[in-house]
């Protein structure tokens, strides 16, 4: 029974992802997640899940990217549970979580695993749907228009990140209008996109958060001071060496 339920949920998500509603949403999301990646992406990247504009990661032409999913998919390298990643600690310089939290039963554990596999001062870039928004309201009024799942507010997700040892680098909200397949309705609500940031703060339908894993090093208070040496991110030139190491983990 649980397996059948999971299959039905995945089928519903797949249908939505190929709909006109999803296309319009991901077109708007693209520029925000691309901005998050530009300031945080490193040579070794882990993408968890496939709810993402298909070209956003490929457009960066990164030296080494591992793409994972919870079910078999032709664009995925490994099938994994996001809450239990099969990688050693401190392996990746960047972890991308595109709309993973709202469809997983253990969202806090998903973030904990992302923190574990990140290098010190590595970055996490995640996206999600905001419950306090017109898109959040559509879950009850027009479920077929939005992605199914449990939505978490930006403030709650940031609290989780900070408790786990992340420093939030930046966040953005977007898509203040409801999702629609009709151009007429879209144009009617277009004004919300221009006034949303100023007049409707924290009510965007989608959000992007970029955060950095805190350096575990520190210093002692007193006459003698000791400071741990900060590990550096692997340079692009040595990405092939890192590739061999990570392939052994698959």
Protein backbone atom coordinates (compact mmCIF):
# COMPACT_ATOMS: atom_id res chain seq x y z
CA UNK A 1 0.00 0.00 0.00
CA UNK A 2 2.72 2.60 0.84
CA UNK A 3 4.48 1.77 -2.44
CA UNK A 4 1.26 2.25 -4.43
CA UNK A 5 0.66 5.55 -2.68
CA UNK A 6 4.20 6.70 -3.49
CA UNK A 7 3.75 5.69 -7.14
CA UNK A 8 0.51 7.65 -7.37
CA UNK A 9 2.19 10.68 -5.83
CA UNK A 10 5.09 10.44 -8.26
CA UNK A 11 2.69 10.09 -11.20
CA UNK A 12 0.84 13.22 -10.07
CA UNK A 13 4.11 15.17 -9.80
CA UNK A 14 5.20 13.97 -13.24
CA UNK A 15 1.94 15.12 -14.82
CA UNK A 16 2.23 18.52 -13.17
CA UNK A 17 5.88 18.92 -14.19
CA UNK A 18 4.95 18.50 -17.84
CA UNK A 19 1.96 20.86 -17.66
CA UNK A 20 1.69 24.45 -18.86
CA UNK A 21 1.37 25.54 -15.21
CA UNK A 22 4.79 24.10 -14.37
CA UNK A 23 6.43 25.53 -17.49
CA UNK A 24 5.35 29.05 -16.57
CA UNK A 25 6.49 28.61 -12.99
CA UNK A 26 9.93 27.21 -13.88
CA UNK A 27 10.46 29.94 -16.47
CA UNK A 28 10.08 32.48 -13.66
CA UNK A 29 12.17 30.46 -11.21
CA UNK A 30 15.10 30.02 -13.58
CA UNK A 31 16.67 33.46 -13.13
CA UNK A 32 16.48 33.27 -9.33
CA UNK A 33 18.07 29.85 -8.91
CA UNK A 34 20.67 30.78 -11.53
CA UNK A 35 21.55 33.85 -9.44
CA UNK A 36 21.90 31.63 -6.36
CA UNK A 37 24.19 29.25 -8.21
CA UNK A 38 26.36 32.03 -9.64
CA UNK A 39 27.42 33.18 -6.17
CA UNK A 40 27.84 29.74 -4.62
CA UNK A 41 28.50 27.03 -7.17
CA UNK A 42 31.74 25.04 -6.87
CA UNK A 43 33.55 22.36 -8.88
CA UNK A 44 31.79 19.36 -7.26
CA UNK A 45 28.01 19.67 -7.29
CA UNK A 46 25.29 17.35 -5.99
CA UNK A 47 21.79 17.87 -7.39
CA UNK A 48 19.13 16.10 -5.32
CA UNK A 49 15.83 15.66 -7.17
CA UNK A 50 14.64 16.69 -10.61
CA UNK A 51 12.06 19.44 -9.91
CA UNK A 52 14.21 21.99 -11.66
CA UNK A 53 14.41 23.83 -14.95
CA UNK A 54 16.20 21.23 -17.07
CA UNK A 55 18.97 23.52 -18.33
CA UNK A 56 19.79 25.61 -15.26
CA UNK A 57 22.65 23.37 -14.05
CA UNK A 58 23.85 22.36 -17.52
CA UNK A 59 24.14 26.01 -18.54
CA UNK A 60 26.96 26.47 -16.01
CA UNK A 61 29.14 23.81 -17.66
CA UNK A 62 30.46 22.56 -14.31
CA UNK A 63 33.46 20.18 -14.08
CA UNK A 64 31.61 17.52 -12.06
CA UNK A 65 27.90 17.14 -11.27
CA UNK A 66 26.12 14.19 -9.64
CA UNK A 67 22.38 14.14 -10.36
CA UNK A 68 20.22 12.00 -8.10
CA UNK A 69 16.53 11.17 -7.87
CA UNK A 70 14.24 9.06 -5.69
CA UNK A 71 13.10 6.98 -8.68
CA UNK A 72 14.80 5.72 -11.83
CA UNK A 73 15.15 8.52 -14.35
CA UNK A 74 17.18 8.74 -17.54
CA UNK A 75 18.67 12.08 -16.45
CA UNK A 76 19.75 10.79 -13.02
CA UNK A 77 23.10 9.23 -12.19
CA UNK A 78 22.01 7.56 -8.92
CA UNK A 79 18.71 6.59 -7.29
CA UNK A 80 18.83 7.70 -3.63
CA UNK A 81 16.68 8.73 -0.70
CA UNK A 82 17.50 12.44 -0.06
CA UNK A 83 17.34 11.79 3.69
CA UNK A 84 20.03 9.07 3.53
CA UNK A 85 22.69 10.00 0.97
CA UNK A 86 25.29 7.33 0.09
CA UNK A 87 28.26 9.71 0.20
CA UNK A 88 31.07 10.37 2.65
CA UNK A 89 31.14 13.62 4.67
CA UNK A 90 32.66 16.80 3.22
CA UNK A 91 32.61 15.64 -0.41
CA UNK A 92 30.69 18.32 -2.33
CA UNK A 93 31.24 22.05 -2.67
CA UNK A 94 27.57 22.69 -3.58
CA UNK A 95 24.31 20.86 -2.94
CA UNK A 96 21.17 21.81 -4.88
CA UNK A 97 17.76 20.89 -3.45
CA UNK A 98 15.06 21.84 -5.99
CA UNK A 99 11.63 21.47 -4.35
CA UNK A 100 12.70 18.45 -2.30
CA UNK A 101 11.55 19.49 1.19
CA UNK A 102 7.82 19.80 0.41
CA UNK A 103 7.54 16.27 -0.96
CA UNK A 104 9.65 14.40 1.60
CA UNK A 105 8.40 13.07 4.93
CA UNK A 106 11.68 13.99 6.68
CA UNK A 107 12.56 17.51 5.48
CA UNK A 108 14.82 18.28 8.44
CA UNK A 109 16.78 15.06 7.88
CA UNK A 110 17.17 16.00 4.20
CA UNK A 111 18.86 19.25 5.24
CA UNK A 112 20.98 17.41 7.80
CA UNK A 113 22.28 15.08 5.09
CA UNK A 114 23.03 18.00 2.79
CA UNK A 115 25.04 19.58 5.61
CA UNK A 116 26.94 16.33 6.21
CA UNK A 117 28.11 15.85 2.61
CA UNK A 118 29.06 19.52 2.13
CA UNK A 119 32.63 20.72 2.51
CA UNK A 120 33.30 23.38 5.11
CA UNK A 121 32.11 26.72 3.67
CA UNK A 122 30.30 24.84 0.91
CA UNK A 123 26.93 26.12 -0.24
CA UNK A 124 23.40 24.81 -0.34
CA UNK A 125 20.91 26.24 -2.85
CA UNK A 126 17.29 25.23 -2.39
CA UNK A 127 13.90 26.18 -3.78
CA UNK A 128 10.42 25.70 -2.39
CA UNK A 129 6.77 26.71 -2.59
CA UNK A 130 5.41 29.22 -0.09
CA UNK A 131 2.20 28.26 1.77
CA UNK A 132 1.34 31.92 2.47
CA UNK A 133 0.71 32.88 -1.15
CA UNK A 134 -1.88 32.73 -3.91
CA UNK A 135 -0.19 29.56 -5.13
CA UNK A 136 -0.51 28.14 -1.63
CA UNK A 137 -4.24 28.95 -1.73
CA UNK A 138 -4.55 27.20 -5.07
CA UNK A 139 -3.70 23.88 -3.41
CA UNK A 140 -7.24 23.90 -2.02
CA UNK A 141 -9.11 25.80 -4.75
CA UNK A 142 -7.44 24.35 -7.87
CA UNK A 143 -5.08 21.48 -6.95
CA UNK A 144 -4.25 20.59 -10.56
CA UNK A 145 -2.60 24.00 -11.08
CA UNK A 146 0.12 23.59 -8.45
CA UNK A 147 2.64 20.99 -7.33
CA UNK A 148 1.33 18.68 -4.62
CA UNK A 149 3.16 18.51 -1.29
CA UNK A 150 3.54 20.08 2.12
CA UNK A 151 4.72 23.66 1.78
CA UNK A 152 7.06 25.26 4.34
CA UNK A 153 7.50 28.99 4.91
CA UNK A 154 10.80 30.73 4.20
CA UNK A 155 11.18 31.67 7.87
CA UNK A 156 10.79 28.05 8.96
CA UNK A 157 13.31 26.73 6.45
CA UNK A 158 15.83 29.44 7.41
CA UNK A 159 15.40 28.46 11.09
CA UNK A 160 16.20 24.85 10.20
CA UNK A 161 19.28 25.89 8.22
CA UNK A 162 20.63 28.07 11.02
CA UNK A 163 20.11 25.36 13.64
CA UNK A 164 22.07 22.92 11.48
CA UNK A 165 25.04 25.27 11.11
CA UNK A 166 24.34 27.27 7.96
CA UNK A 167 24.68 31.01 7.43
CA UNK A 168 22.07 32.31 4.99
CA UNK A 169 23.77 34.14 2.13
CA UNK A 170 20.64 35.34 0.36
CA UNK A 171 17.01 34.59 -0.40
CA UNK A 172 14.47 35.67 -3.02
CA UNK A 173 10.72 35.37 -3.44
CA UNK A 174 8.92 35.46 -6.77
CA UNK A 175 5.73 34.55 -8.65
CA UNK A 176 3.22 36.53 -6.62
CA UNK A 177 0.39 35.81 -9.07
CA UNK A 178 -1.58 32.54 -9.09
CA UNK A 179 -0.56 29.91 -11.64
CA UNK A 180 -2.76 29.83 -14.72
CA UNK A 181 -2.71 28.24 -18.17
CA UNK A 182 -4.72 31.17 -19.56
CA UNK A 183 -2.86 34.15 -21.00
CA UNK A 184 -5.83 36.38 -20.16
CA UNK A 185 -5.74 35.49 -16.45
CA UNK A 186 -1.96 35.73 -16.40
CA UNK A 187 -2.08 39.26 -17.84
CA UNK A 188 -4.79 40.24 -15.35
CA UNK A 189 -2.53 39.42 -12.41
CA UNK A 190 0.71 40.59 -14.03
CA UNK A 191 0.75 43.77 -11.94
CA UNK A 192 1.33 41.65 -8.81
CA UNK A 193 4.80 40.74 -10.06
CA UNK A 194 5.83 44.40 -10.19
CA UNK A 195 4.44 45.37 -6.76
CA UNK A 196 4.89 42.10 -4.90
CA UNK A 197 8.32 42.77 -3.39
CA UNK A 198 7.25 46.16 -2.08
CA UNK A 199 3.60 45.74 -1.10
CA UNK A 200 3.25 41.99 -0.55
CA UNK A 201 6.48 40.90 1.16
CA UNK A 202 6.84 37.21 2.01
CA UNK A 203 3.83 36.22 -0.16
CA UNK A 204 5.61 35.07 -3.31
CA UNK A 205 4.55 31.63 -4.51
CA UNK A 206 8.14 30.41 -4.82
CA UNK A 207 11.42 31.11 -3.05
CA UNK A 208 15.13 30.47 -3.44
CA UNK A 209 17.51 30.30 -0.46
CA UNK A 210 21.31 30.18 -0.64
CA UNK A 211 23.26 29.32 2.52
CA UNK A 212 26.86 28.53 3.46
CA UNK A 213 28.05 25.81 5.82
CA UNK A 214 29.86 27.38 8.73
CA UNK A 215 33.56 26.70 9.12
CA UNK A 216 34.01 24.24 11.98
CA UNK A 217 37.27 25.94 12.99
CA UNK A 218 37.45 28.56 15.74
CA UNK A 219 39.74 30.24 18.24
CA UNK A 220 40.29 30.02 21.98
CA UNK A 221 39.86 33.10 24.15
CA UNK A 222 43.03 33.92 26.12
CA UNK A 223 46.72 34.68 25.72
CA UNK A 224 47.36 31.85 23.27
CA UNK A 225 45.18 31.70 20.20
CA UNK A 226 44.80 28.77 17.87
CA UNK A 227 42.87 28.84 14.65
CA UNK A 228 42.05 25.83 12.53
CA UNK A 229 43.18 26.06 8.93
CA UNK A 230 40.20 26.54 6.62
CA UNK A 231 39.87 23.82 4.01
CA UNK A 232 39.77 25.27 0.52
CA UNK A 233 37.29 24.31 -2.18
CA UNK A 234 38.75 22.01 -4.79
CA UNK A 235 39.89 23.96 -7.83
CA UNK A 236 38.37 23.23 -11.23
CA UNK A 237 41.73 21.95 -12.48
CA UNK A 238 41.67 19.13 -9.93
CA UNK A 239 38.03 18.21 -10.48
CA UNK A 240 38.97 15.03 -12.38
CA UNK A 241 40.87 13.74 -9.34
CA UNK A 242 37.83 14.46 -7.16
CA UNK A 243 35.65 12.71 -9.76
CA UNK A 244 37.49 9.43 -9.27
CA UNK A 245 37.06 9.66 -5.50
CA UNK A 246 33.33 10.30 -5.67
CA UNK A 247 32.70 7.65 -8.33
CA UNK A 248 34.05 5.08 -5.85
CA UNK A 249 31.16 6.01 -3.56
CA UNK A 250 28.44 5.08 -6.02
